[in-house]
Amino acid sequence: MRLGMLIWCGLAYASTSLAATPDYARQFQRDCSGCHGHKADKSAFNKAPPLITLSQSQAIEGMTAIRDGGGTGAAARAKARLTDDQIKGLAAFIQTQK
């Protein structure tokens, strides 16, 4: 009985942890790849460098600046709803594409 309860608790914890983990790869493909390319290797509108050429801190600084009023058009609209945690997660995902 105890073993069954321990297994159930472990599975409940694991499923909660997995469900709470954001999928930044999916978010990037859905929200960013149209302009930045599926591997973050395209220059968006000949304004932004390929994201894979940026360091993680440069990507965070750039997305935050655009979100906080430093951009117009599609770039500003795409980043307007991002939280600080999402920006950090997307920047970390971009580093995996190098």
C-alpha atoms as a PDB file:
ATOM      1  CA  MET A   1       0.000   0.000   0.000  1.00  0.00           C
ATOM      2  CA  ARG A   2       2.784   2.427   0.904  1.00  0.00           C
ATOM      3  CA  LEU A   3       4.667   1.600  -2.281  1.00  0.00           C
ATOM      4  CA  GLY A   4       1.568   2.293  -4.361  1.00  0.00           C
ATOM      5  CA  MET A   5       1.072   5.635  -2.620  1.00  0.00           C
ATOM      6  CA  LEU A   6       4.721   6.593  -3.140  1.00  0.00           C
ATOM      7  CA  ILE A   7       4.508   5.744  -6.829  1.00  0.00           C
ATOM      8  CA  TRP A   8       1.298   7.706  -7.216  1.00  0.00           C
ATOM      9  CA  CYS A   9       2.793  10.750  -5.447  1.00  0.00           C
ATOM     10  CA  GLY A  10       5.902  10.537  -7.611  1.00  0.00           C
ATOM     11  CA  LEU A  11       3.861  10.387 -10.799  1.00  0.00           C
ATOM     12  CA  ALA A  12       1.638  13.259  -9.684  1.00  0.00           C
ATOM     13  CA  TYR A  13       4.708  15.390  -8.922  1.00  0.00           C
ATOM     14  CA  ALA A  14       6.387  14.520 -12.230  1.00  0.00           C
ATOM     15  CA  SER A  15       3.310  15.324 -14.294  1.00  0.00           C
ATOM     16  CA  THR A  16       2.869  18.637 -12.456  1.00  0.00           C
ATOM     17  CA  SER A  17       6.530  19.524 -13.016  1.00  0.00           C
ATOM     18  CA  LEU A  18       6.381  18.658 -16.708  1.00  0.00           C
ATOM     19  CA  ALA A  19       3.134  20.529 -17.232  1.00  0.00           C
ATOM     20  CA  ALA A  20       4.607  23.627 -15.595  1.00  0.00           C
ATOM     21  CA  THR A  21       7.757  23.582 -17.757  1.00  0.00           C
ATOM     22  CA  PRO A  22       7.429  26.083 -20.603  1.00  0.00           C
ATOM     23  CA  ASP A  23       8.224  24.815 -24.077  1.00  0.00           C
ATOM     24  CA  TYR A  24      10.333  27.623 -25.481  1.00  0.00           C
ATOM     25  CA  ALA A  25      11.145  25.674 -28.642  1.00  0.00           C
ATOM     26  CA  ARG A  26       7.450  25.502 -29.476  1.00  0.00           C
ATOM     27  CA  GLN A  27       6.933  29.143 -28.529  1.00  0.00           C
ATOM     28  CA  PHE A  28       9.848  30.201 -30.733  1.00  0.00           C
ATOM     29  CA  GLN A  29       8.510  28.225 -33.693  1.00  0.00           C
ATOM     30  CA  ARG A  30       5.021  29.646 -33.205  1.00  0.00           C
ATOM     31  CA  ASP A  31       5.846  33.276 -32.437  1.00  0.00           C
ATOM     32  CA  CYS A  32       9.342  34.044 -33.749  1.00  0.00           C
ATOM     33  CA  SER A  33      10.367  31.765 -36.603  1.00  0.00           C
ATOM     34  CA  GLY A  34       8.220  33.517 -39.197  1.00  0.00           C
ATOM     35  CA  CYS A  35      10.606  36.472 -39.131  1.00  0.00           C
ATOM     36  CA  HIS A  36      13.778  35.016 -37.565  1.00  0.00           C
ATOM     37  CA  GLY A  37      13.817  31.605 -39.300  1.00  0.00           C
ATOM     38  CA  HIS A  38      13.217  28.155 -37.824  1.00  0.00           C
ATOM     39  CA  LYS A  39      16.803  27.982 -36.557  1.00  0.00           C
ATOM     40  CA  ALA A  40      17.051  31.683 -35.574  1.00  0.00           C
ATOM     41  CA  ASP A  41      19.451  32.143 -38.481  1.00  0.00           C
ATOM     42  CA  LYS A  42      17.627  34.779 -40.550  1.00  0.00           C
ATOM     43  CA  SER A  43      17.878  38.546 -40.424  1.00  0.00           C
ATOM     44  CA  ALA A  44      14.379  39.819 -39.611  1.00  0.00           C
ATOM     45  CA  PHE A  45      13.352  42.530 -42.089  1.00  0.00           C
ATOM     46  CA  ASN A  46      17.040  43.320 -42.676  1.00  0.00           C
ATOM     47  CA  LYS A  47      16.978  45.103 -39.312  1.00  0.00           C
ATOM     48  CA  ALA A  48      17.728  42.459 -36.707  1.00  0.00           C
ATOM     49  CA  PRO A  49      20.834  40.313 -37.051  1.00  0.00           C
ATOM     50  CA  PRO A  50      20.382  36.548 -37.075  1.00  0.00           C
ATOM     51  CA  LEU A  51      19.588  35.735 -33.459  1.00  0.00           C
ATOM     52  CA  ILE A  52      22.141  32.922 -33.359  1.00  0.00           C
ATOM     53  CA  THR A  53      24.880  35.563 -33.725  1.00  0.00           C
ATOM     54  CA  LEU A  54      23.886  37.165 -30.413  1.00  0.00           C
ATOM     55  CA  SER A  55      24.980  36.170 -26.933  1.00  0.00           C
ATOM     56  CA  GLN A  56      22.253  35.192 -24.510  1.00  0.00           C
ATOM     57  CA  SER A  57      22.547  38.527 -22.699  1.00  0.00           C
ATOM     58  CA  GLN A  58      22.374  40.450 -25.995  1.00  0.00           C
ATOM     59  CA  ALA A  59      19.205  38.563 -26.957  1.00  0.00           C
ATOM     60  CA  ILE A  60      17.639  39.315 -23.560  1.00  0.00           C
ATOM     61  CA  GLU A  61      18.601  42.993 -23.753  1.00  0.00           C
ATOM     62  CA  GLY A  62      17.281  43.320 -27.311  1.00  0.00           C
ATOM     63  CA  MET A  63      13.936  41.614 -26.691  1.00  0.00           C
ATOM     64  CA  THR A  64      13.434  43.549 -23.459  1.00  0.00           C
ATOM     65  CA  ALA A  65      14.228  46.894 -25.100  1.00  0.00           C
ATOM     66  CA  ILE A  66      11.814  46.235 -27.959  1.00  0.00           C
ATOM     67  CA  ARG A  67       9.114  45.022 -25.568  1.00  0.00           C
ATOM     68  CA  ASP A  68       9.533  48.094 -23.386  1.00  0.00           C
ATOM     69  CA  GLY A  69       9.011  50.556 -26.212  1.00  0.00           C
ATOM     70  CA  GLY A  70      12.120  50.405 -28.350  1.00  0.00           C
ATOM     71  CA  GLY A  71      10.513  48.918 -31.435  1.00  0.00           C
ATOM     72  CA  THR A  72       7.689  49.356 -33.875  1.00  0.00           C
ATOM     73  CA  GLY A  73       5.612  47.192 -36.148  1.00  0.00           C
ATOM     74  CA  ALA A  74       5.811  43.417 -36.098  1.00  0.00           C
ATOM     75  CA  ALA A  75       8.803  43.338 -33.730  1.00  0.00           C
ATOM     76  CA  ALA A  76       7.042  45.341 -31.038  1.00  0.00           C
ATOM     77  CA  ARG A  77       3.779  43.424 -31.416  1.00  0.00           C
ATOM     78  CA  ALA A  78       5.552  40.068 -31.169  1.00  0.00           C
ATOM     79  CA  LYS A  79       7.380  41.004 -27.982  1.00  0.00           C
ATOM     80  CA  ALA A  80       4.742  43.170 -26.272  1.00  0.00           C
ATOM     81  CA  ARG A  81       3.196  40.284 -24.336  1.00  0.00           C
ATOM     82  CA  LEU A  82       6.414  38.522 -23.285  1.00  0.00           C
ATOM     83  CA  THR A  83       7.265  38.294 -19.604  1.00  0.00           C
ATOM     84  CA  ASP A  84      10.831  38.574 -18.328  1.00  0.00           C
ATOM     85  CA  ASP A  85      10.869  34.800 -17.757  1.00  0.00           C
ATOM     86  CA  GLN A  86       9.683  34.113 -21.306  1.00  0.00           C
ATOM     87  CA  ILE A  87      12.366  36.401 -22.717  1.00  0.00           C
ATOM     88  CA  LYS A  88      15.036  34.581 -20.696  1.00  0.00           C
ATOM     89  CA  GLY A  89      13.676  31.203 -21.789  1.00  0.00           C
ATOM     90  CA  LEU A  90      13.563  32.175 -25.455  1.00  0.00           C
ATOM     91  CA  ALA A  91      17.092  33.607 -25.255  1.00  0.00           C
ATOM     92  CA  ALA A  92      18.308  30.333 -23.729  1.00  0.00           C
ATOM     93  CA  PHE A  93      16.546  28.339 -26.464  1.00  0.00           C
ATOM     94  CA  ILE A  94      18.161  30.477 -29.174  1.00  0.00           C
ATOM     95  CA  GLN A  95      21.587  29.543 -27.772  1.00  0.00           C
ATOM     96  CA  THR A  96      20.795  25.877 -28.424  1.00  0.00           C
ATOM     97  CA  GLN A  97      20.393  26.620 -32.134  1.00  0.00           C
ATOM     98  CA  LYS A  98      24.051  27.583 -32.634  1.00  0.00           C
END
